[in-house]
Amino acid sequence: MKILTPDQSAHYHDKGYCSAEGLVDASWLARLNAVTQDFVDESRGITASNARFDLEPDHTAVQPRLRRLNAPVDQHETYWEFASTGPFADIAEDLLGPNVKFHHSKLNFKWSGGGESVKWHQDIQFWPHTNYDVLTIGVYLSDVTNDMAPMGIIPGSHNRDLFDLYDERGRWTGHIRDQDLPALDVENADYLMGPAGTITVHNCRAVHGSPPNFSASPRPLLLCAYSASDAIPITTLTAGSAHAEVVIRGARSRWARFDPRPVLMPPDWSKGYKSIFQYQQGEAAE
């Protein structure tokens, strides 16, 4: 193990997630927050969501309200340096093995005063791979308390079936149907929080989400997804990214590994992809 403890690794494999404080130091946090603030300031000149920014409907120049910075590793070299050489890379190697690829990134802001919820969902249906050794690592860029809508994960849900993220009319919504929620034990979700620098890790099959943020502070969470080298994407969602499928540890696999469990296929993203917020809020239903 390079950075995680054996107990943290065991918790990830048993429960589908883990978290830890203090794995991202003050130097990295200062750099990441400085770059992030630059993007927040840039967003003041934007009036509608675009390829870079996903904005809440009431976003203004005076009071910016961002839902997401899309693909931050493609927007600034600091994010890519962190994703490829920082503690995230060590965590990915600890949990996925010696051969690790980068997949994609996003920065979810969960703005203050009602920042939108993320409804319960699993990740892998958005970007299917040939197996499930795919995970997402996050770092809270500021202190996160219980009233700031921390991410909640349902323990053990990574070992259950995948859910259908289409509605009854066949439209992609990006969230689990309401009628399926009673079987999920959402009341037992573990909400991950902590001081700035706290990391979260969840498997691509783990059911997770977060409520609206009614606190006075935004809750920026930088997220990067990684896969084992022998987990091959089935769709071309990230094909336009300069860093997608870059091997950050070890070597590229010559053989793809296939998990016998099926995976739900998303819509044809070649026609364009919106953010999870837009699909879940019905702004871009397929």
Foldseek 3Di string as FASTA:
>chain_A
DQQDDPVQLVQCVQFFKGKDADQQDPVLLVVVVVVVVVVQQVCQPPQADDPQFHFDNPAHNVRGGTQKGFQVVQVDVSVVCCCQPNVVVVVLCVRANQWKAWATKMKGWLFEQWRAKQAKFFQCQVWPWQDFQKKKKKFWSFFDDPLFWAKWWQTPQLVPAHADQADPVRKHQRHHDPVPVVVRPSVRTDGDGGGGRMMMMGTRRIIMMTHRRHHNGITIMIMIMMGGLQIGIPACLPVPGPRHGPTSGDDHDPHHDGDPRDHHHDPRCVVPDDDSVCSNVVVDID
